[in-house]
Amino acid sequence: MTPLLGVENLRVGFKGHGGTVTALRDVSFQVAPGKTLALVGESGSGKSVSSLAIMGLLASNARILGGRIRFAARDGRLIDLLGVDARLRRSLRGAEMAMIFQEPMSSLNPLFTVGDQIGEMLLLHEGLDAAARRRRVIEMLELVEIPAAATRLDQYPHEMSGGMRQRVMIALALICRPRLLIADEPTTALDVTVQAQILDLMRRLQAEMGMSILFITHDLGVVAEIADSVAVMYAGAIVEAGDVGPLFDAPGHHYTRGLMASIPRPDRAPGDMLVPIPGVVPPLSALPPGCAFAPRCGRADAACEAPVALRAAGPGTQVACHHPLVAEVAHG
């Protein structure tokens, strides 16, 4: 099956006073039609940069240093997004691929009603008149379970709660029924109850529309609820990838194991402390040789100074590690 989205050896750098810093290092992943891939990792690992590169929304000082991003358009074309002009990229955004940003209050314009902001997408991509836009916006607000939609569309973002604004952002992203939805930390600022409601809503809308989702998060607990496959990122590279079940049952990379150990669990015994990952992500301008995670890894040795690439580690998983945990499980 042809993937809806294929990212191949993507390299992105940012130009600064000291030269160009590479933020993405040969990142490759695929999103299958109708499926959800989760990009997971700490802040600064390259998740959001990956999504902005796909959408063509990188900052002006960013440079694509190599790789390809291929997207299967609705009309059957397989488009290399890095090789097309800006006009075609703009026509795809919103209509065929859309993005939910991290903080809805800063992403929505406070000077316009939510109805005007959602309706603008229909004006740009479908040319609908005001009456038709209003009908479609009301239908979409009802679809994302906003009560009294006919009244709510005339409100401004500050008149809504955080959970309601996030539903507006989902409606804005999905109003033209895109084939790909990129959700960048869509539940980070929400309480647990609202977070669960948003995840349920996204699953339901995905099933109804048949869209694919690239879900960006640092929370592996959320991944287990929504994703079909996972790509774990660290310091601008993917260190582990695979189907959710096998990866969660037997994580191969020490970084993945650390992320899982730091998840709060309701069955944790009283006084049982969370296990943090020691140290911090190294600056991208001063990565260690070989495995970037080595300075924080208790298993690191001289072998970890050599380059390491993703390789098969178990059923449905790949890992970039000289001492993968799955090998210990297999031979232990």
Protein backbone atom coordinates (compact mmCIF):
# COMPACT_ATOMS: atom_id res chain seq x y z
CA MET A 1 0.00 0.00 0.00
CA THR A 2 1.35 3.43 -0.97
CA PRO A 3 1.79 5.58 2.16
CA LEU A 4 -0.16 8.81 2.31
CA LEU A 5 2.95 10.59 3.60
CA GLY A 6 6.55 9.46 3.22
CA VAL A 7 9.45 11.36 4.78
CA GLU A 8 12.84 10.15 3.52
CA ASN A 9 16.21 11.10 5.03
CA LEU A 10 15.02 14.61 5.86
CA ARG A 11 17.71 16.98 7.05
CA VAL A 12 16.86 20.51 8.26
CA GLY A 13 19.25 23.17 9.49
CA PHE A 14 18.85 26.60 11.04
CA LYS A 15 21.23 29.38 10.11
CA GLY A 16 22.57 31.48 12.96
CA HIS A 17 25.50 33.73 13.81
CA GLY A 18 27.75 30.74 14.42
CA GLY A 19 26.78 28.90 11.24
CA THR A 20 24.11 26.33 10.44
CA VAL A 21 22.89 23.97 13.17
CA THR A 22 21.35 20.71 11.96
CA ALA A 23 18.01 20.19 13.72
CA LEU A 24 16.85 17.07 11.83
CA ARG A 25 19.33 14.32 10.94
CA ASP A 26 18.18 11.90 8.23
CA VAL A 27 14.65 11.53 9.59
CA SER A 28 12.50 8.94 7.79
CA PHE A 29 8.96 7.74 8.54
CA GLN A 30 5.68 6.92 6.80
CA VAL A 31 2.02 7.55 7.60
CA ALA A 32 -0.34 4.97 6.13
CA PRO A 33 -3.82 5.87 4.83
CA GLY A 34 -6.34 6.00 7.66
CA LYS A 35 -3.71 5.30 10.34
CA THR A 36 -2.05 7.28 13.14
CA LEU A 37 1.70 7.65 13.61
CA ALA A 38 2.91 9.22 16.84
CA LEU A 39 6.16 11.19 16.95
CA VAL A 40 7.42 11.03 20.54
CA GLY A 41 10.28 12.69 22.37
CA GLU A 42 11.35 15.42 24.79
CA SER A 43 11.20 19.09 23.89
CA GLY A 44 13.91 19.91 21.38
CA SER A 45 13.99 16.45 19.82
CA GLY A 46 12.77 17.66 16.40
CA LYS A 47 9.09 16.70 16.45
CA SER A 48 7.64 20.13 15.69
CA VAL A 49 10.37 20.94 13.17
CA SER A 50 9.39 17.76 11.30
CA SER A 51 5.76 18.83 11.18
CA LEU A 52 6.56 22.38 10.06
CA ALA A 53 8.80 21.03 7.30
CA ILE A 54 5.92 18.88 6.05
CA MET A 55 3.53 21.82 6.08
CA GLY A 56 6.05 24.21 4.50
CA LEU A 57 5.92 26.54 7.51
CA LEU A 58 9.54 26.55 8.63
CA ALA A 59 11.07 29.81 9.84
CA SER A 60 12.89 32.03 7.36
CA ASN A 61 16.31 31.01 8.73
CA ALA A 62 15.60 27.29 8.19
CA ARG A 63 17.20 25.37 5.34
CA ILE A 64 16.28 22.00 3.88
CA LEU A 65 19.66 20.27 3.69
CA GLY A 66 18.49 17.05 2.08
CA GLY A 67 15.80 14.41 1.79
CA ARG A 68 12.30 14.17 0.35
CA ILE A 69 8.74 14.52 1.59
CA ARG A 70 6.19 12.74 -0.61
CA PHE A 71 2.43 13.20 -0.27
CA ALA A 72 -0.31 11.25 -2.07
CA ALA A 73 -2.80 13.90 -3.18
CA ARG A 74 -6.53 13.33 -3.54
CA ASP A 75 -6.27 13.35 -7.33
CA GLY A 76 -3.77 10.47 -7.32
CA ARG A 77 -0.58 12.50 -7.76
CA LEU A 78 2.44 11.59 -5.65
CA ILE A 79 3.85 15.04 -4.87
CA ASP A 80 7.37 15.76 -3.63
CA LEU A 81 6.52 18.63 -1.29
CA LEU A 82 10.09 19.93 -1.30
CA GLY A 83 10.15 20.21 -5.09
CA VAL A 84 6.97 22.21 -5.75
CA ASP A 85 6.36 25.94 -5.82
CA ALA A 86 4.85 27.95 -2.96
CA ARG A 87 1.49 28.32 -4.72
CA LEU A 88 0.91 24.55 -4.84
CA ARG A 89 2.00 24.18 -1.21
CA ARG A 90 -0.55 26.81 -0.19
CA SER A 91 -3.30 25.04 -2.15
CA LEU A 92 -2.56 21.80 -0.28
CA ARG A 93 -2.55 23.37 3.19
CA GLY A 94 -6.01 23.26 4.66
CA ALA A 95 -7.53 21.41 1.72
CA GLU A 96 -5.48 18.20 1.81
CA MET A 97 -3.26 18.54 4.87
CA ALA A 98 -3.98 20.53 8.00
CA MET A 99 -2.38 21.16 11.38
CA ILE A 100 -3.56 21.65 14.95
CA PHE A 101 -1.03 23.79 16.81
CA GLN A 102 -0.02 23.44 20.46
CA GLU A 103 -1.80 26.40 22.05
CA PRO A 104 -5.21 27.34 20.63
CA MET A 105 -5.34 30.74 22.34
CA SER A 106 -2.20 31.90 20.55
CA SER A 107 -3.15 30.17 17.28
CA LEU A 108 -6.63 31.71 16.99
CA ASN A 109 -6.91 35.39 16.06
CA PRO A 110 -8.51 37.29 18.98
CA LEU A 111 -9.91 39.98 16.62
CA PHE A 112 -12.20 37.65 14.62
CA THR A 113 -15.05 35.37 15.61
CA VAL A 114 -14.40 31.63 15.46
CA GLY A 115 -16.99 31.36 12.69
CA ASP A 116 -15.14 33.88 10.52
CA GLN A 117 -11.82 32.10 11.08
CA ILE A 118 -13.18 28.66 10.20
CA GLY A 119 -15.19 30.04 7.29
CA GLU A 120 -12.11 31.66 5.77
CA MET A 121 -10.84 28.18 4.89
CA LEU A 122 -14.00 27.51 2.89
CA LEU A 123 -13.67 30.84 1.10
CA LEU A 124 -10.05 30.18 0.14
CA HIS A 125 -10.36 26.56 -0.93
CA GLU A 126 -13.98 26.17 -2.05
CA GLY A 127 -15.14 29.71 -2.84
CA LEU A 128 -18.41 29.38 -0.91
CA ASP A 129 -20.63 32.41 -0.31
CA ALA A 130 -21.33 33.73 3.19
CA ALA A 131 -24.58 31.77 3.72
CA ALA A 132 -23.06 28.47 2.57
CA ARG A 133 -19.97 29.06 4.73
CA ARG A 134 -22.10 29.69 7.78
CA ARG A 135 -24.07 26.47 7.27
CA ARG A 136 -20.88 24.42 6.85
CA VAL A 137 -19.25 26.00 9.91
CA ILE A 138 -22.29 25.21 12.06
CA GLU A 139 -22.24 21.62 10.83
CA MET A 140 -18.56 21.28 11.66
CA LEU A 141 -18.93 22.83 15.12
CA GLU A 142 -21.71 20.34 15.80
CA LEU A 143 -19.49 17.54 14.53
CA VAL A 144 -16.77 18.43 17.04
CA GLU A 145 -19.47 18.46 19.74
CA ILE A 146 -19.64 22.17 20.50
CA PRO A 147 -23.08 22.88 22.02
CA ALA A 148 -25.27 25.69 20.65
CA ALA A 149 -23.08 25.83 17.54
CA ALA A 150 -25.26 28.43 15.82
CA THR A 151 -24.51 30.84 18.67
CA ARG A 152 -20.94 29.82 19.37
CA LEU A 153 -19.69 30.60 15.88
CA ASP A 154 -20.30 34.31 16.54
CA GLN A 155 -18.15 34.29 19.68
CA TYR A 156 -14.52 35.30 20.00
CA PRO A 157 -11.80 32.91 21.25
CA HIS A 158 -11.52 34.59 24.66
CA GLU A 159 -15.18 33.80 25.33
CA MET A 160 -14.50 30.05 25.27
CA SER A 161 -12.78 27.61 27.62
CA GLY A 162 -9.51 25.91 26.74
CA GLY A 163 -11.23 22.67 25.79
CA MET A 164 -13.75 24.53 23.64
CA ARG A 165 -11.00 26.46 21.85
CA GLN A 166 -9.23 23.19 21.11
CA ARG A 167 -12.43 21.87 19.53
CA VAL A 168 -12.55 25.03 17.43
CA MET A 169 -8.98 24.36 16.29
CA ILE A 170 -9.98 20.83 15.28
CA ALA A 171 -12.98 22.22 13.39
CA LEU A 172 -10.72 24.75 11.67
CA ALA A 173 -8.30 22.00 10.62
CA LEU A 174 -10.99 19.61 9.40
CA ILE A 175 -13.47 21.97 7.72
CA CYS A 176 -12.19 21.02 4.23
CA ARG A 177 -11.84 17.33 5.16
CA PRO A 178 -8.07 16.98 4.64
CA ARG A 179 -6.45 13.61 4.02
CA LEU A 180 -3.72 14.27 6.61
CA LEU A 181 -4.07 15.89 10.02
CA ILE A 182 -0.93 16.90 11.94
CA ALA A 183 -1.72 17.34 15.64
CA ASP A 184 1.14 19.05 17.51
CA GLU A 185 0.69 18.43 21.25
CA PRO A 186 -3.08 19.02 20.96
CA THR A 187 -3.86 18.05 24.58
CA THR A 188 -0.87 19.48 26.48
CA ALA A 189 -2.62 22.47 28.09
CA LEU A 190 -5.84 20.58 28.93
CA ASP A 191 -6.87 18.84 32.13
CA VAL A 192 -7.13 15.04 32.14
CA THR A 193 -10.89 14.89 31.60
CA VAL A 194 -10.89 17.29 28.65
CA GLN A 195 -7.79 15.57 27.24
CA ALA A 196 -9.67 12.26 27.16
CA GLN A 197 -12.62 13.93 25.43
CA ILE A 198 -10.37 15.45 22.74
CA LEU A 199 -8.66 12.12 22.08
CA ASP A 200 -12.03 10.37 21.79
CA LEU A 201 -13.20 13.08 19.41
CA MET A 202 -10.13 12.73 17.20
CA ARG A 203 -10.52 8.95 17.01
CA ARG A 204 -14.17 9.29 16.05
CA LEU A 205 -13.54 11.93 13.40
CA GLN A 206 -10.68 9.89 11.96
CA ALA A 207 -12.99 6.90 11.58
CA GLU A 208 -15.75 9.01 10.00
CA MET A 209 -13.46 10.87 7.56
CA GLY A 210 -10.89 8.15 6.88
CA MET A 211 -8.02 10.59 7.41
CA SER A 212 -4.47 9.87 8.55
CA ILE A 213 -3.00 11.52 11.66
CA LEU A 214 0.55 12.48 12.54
CA PHE A 215 0.28 12.90 16.31
CA ILE A 216 3.12 14.76 18.04
CA THR A 217 3.52 14.34 21.79
CA HIS A 218 5.96 13.79 24.65
CA ASP A 219 3.42 11.64 26.51
CA LEU A 220 3.71 7.91 25.83
CA GLY A 221 0.52 7.35 27.81
CA VAL A 222 -1.42 9.28 25.17
CA VAL A 223 0.31 7.33 22.40
CA ALA A 224 -1.05 4.03 23.70
CA GLU A 225 -4.58 5.40 23.34
CA ILE A 226 -4.50 6.88 19.85
CA ALA A 227 -1.58 5.61 17.70
CA ASP A 228 -1.08 2.59 15.45
CA SER A 229 2.69 3.09 15.17
CA VAL A 230 5.37 5.13 16.94
CA ALA A 231 8.60 6.90 16.01
CA VAL A 232 10.72 7.96 18.99
CA MET A 233 12.89 11.02 18.34
CA TYR A 234 15.97 12.20 20.20
CA ALA A 235 18.28 15.12 19.34
CA GLY A 236 16.92 15.44 15.80
CA ALA A 237 16.95 11.76 14.83
CA ILE A 238 14.64 8.76 15.12
CA VAL A 239 16.11 6.25 17.58
CA GLU A 240 13.27 3.70 17.58
CA ALA A 241 10.22 3.00 15.44
CA GLY A 242 7.57 0.33 15.14
CA ASP A 243 4.01 -0.76 15.80
CA VAL A 244 2.57 0.35 19.15
CA GLY A 245 2.07 -3.15 20.60
CA PRO A 246 5.55 -4.60 20.02
CA LEU A 247 7.30 -1.36 20.91
CA PHE A 248 5.44 -0.96 24.19
CA ASP A 249 5.85 -4.64 25.09
CA ALA A 250 9.62 -4.64 24.49
CA PRO A 251 11.17 -1.19 23.95
CA GLY A 252 14.55 -1.60 22.29
CA HIS A 253 16.21 1.75 22.98
CA HIS A 254 17.31 2.84 26.45
CA TYR A 255 15.78 6.26 25.79
CA THR A 256 12.38 4.70 25.02
CA ARG A 257 12.62 2.62 28.19
CA GLY A 258 13.40 5.79 30.13
CA LEU A 259 10.38 7.59 28.71
CA MET A 260 8.13 4.70 29.67
CA ALA A 261 9.58 4.50 33.19
CA SER A 262 8.81 8.19 33.77
CA ILE A 263 5.07 7.83 33.03
CA PRO A 264 2.90 8.36 36.15
CA ARG A 265 0.89 5.18 36.80
CA PRO A 266 -2.27 4.83 38.94
CA ASP A 267 -1.05 1.43 40.23
CA ARG A 268 2.26 2.84 41.49
CA ALA A 269 2.79 1.95 45.13
CA PRO A 270 2.79 4.76 47.75
CA GLY A 271 6.28 6.18 48.04
CA ASP A 272 7.36 4.60 44.77
CA MET A 273 9.14 7.43 43.00
CA LEU A 274 9.10 8.20 39.30
CA VAL A 275 12.31 7.27 37.51
CA PRO A 276 13.61 10.33 35.61
CA ILE A 277 16.04 10.16 32.72
CA PRO A 278 19.32 11.65 34.00
CA GLY A 279 20.80 14.71 32.30
CA VAL A 280 19.35 16.81 29.50
CA VAL A 281 19.19 16.71 25.72
CA PRO A 282 22.58 17.96 24.44
CA PRO A 283 22.67 21.12 22.32
CA LEU A 284 22.35 20.32 18.64
CA SER A 285 25.48 22.34 17.96
CA ALA A 286 27.57 20.06 20.21
CA LEU A 287 26.29 16.50 19.84
CA PRO A 288 28.59 13.71 21.04
CA PRO A 289 30.04 11.34 18.42
CA GLY A 290 28.00 8.25 17.60
CA CYS A 291 24.88 7.83 19.72
CA ALA A 292 23.58 11.20 20.95
CA PHE A 293 21.94 9.54 23.96
CA ALA A 294 25.19 7.98 25.21
CA PRO A 295 25.98 10.68 27.84
CA ARG A 296 22.64 9.92 29.55
CA CYS A 297 22.69 6.13 29.11
CA GLY A 298 23.84 3.75 31.84
CA ARG A 299 24.83 1.13 29.28
CA ALA A 300 27.03 3.36 27.11
CA ASP A 301 30.60 2.28 26.37
CA ALA A 302 33.30 2.95 23.76
CA ALA A 303 31.24 1.19 21.07
CA CYS A 304 28.58 3.91 21.37
CA GLU A 305 30.99 6.46 19.89
CA ALA A 306 30.52 4.85 16.47
CA PRO A 307 27.62 5.90 14.20
CA VAL A 308 24.48 3.82 14.55
CA ALA A 309 21.46 3.58 12.22
CA LEU A 310 17.99 2.10 12.59
CA ARG A 311 17.96 -1.66 12.16
CA ALA A 312 15.48 -4.47 12.75
CA ALA A 313 15.33 -5.38 16.42
CA GLY A 314 12.22 -7.50 16.80
CA PRO A 315 8.81 -8.17 15.27
CA GLY A 316 7.57 -4.84 13.90
CA THR A 317 10.30 -2.66 15.47
CA GLN A 318 13.56 -0.93 14.52
CA VAL A 319 16.10 0.55 16.90
CA ALA A 320 19.27 2.65 16.57
CA CYS A 321 21.36 1.35 19.46
CA HIS A 322 24.61 -0.60 19.83
CA HIS A 323 23.20 -2.38 22.90
CA PRO A 324 19.45 -2.74 22.23
CA LEU A 325 17.29 -3.95 25.08
CA VAL A 326 15.34 -6.32 22.82
CA ALA A 327 18.55 -8.29 22.28
CA GLU A 328 18.79 -8.73 26.05
CA VAL A 329 15.18 -9.89 26.19
CA ALA A 330 15.71 -12.30 23.30
CA HIS A 331 18.84 -13.86 24.82
CA GLY A 332 18.20 -13.31 28.49
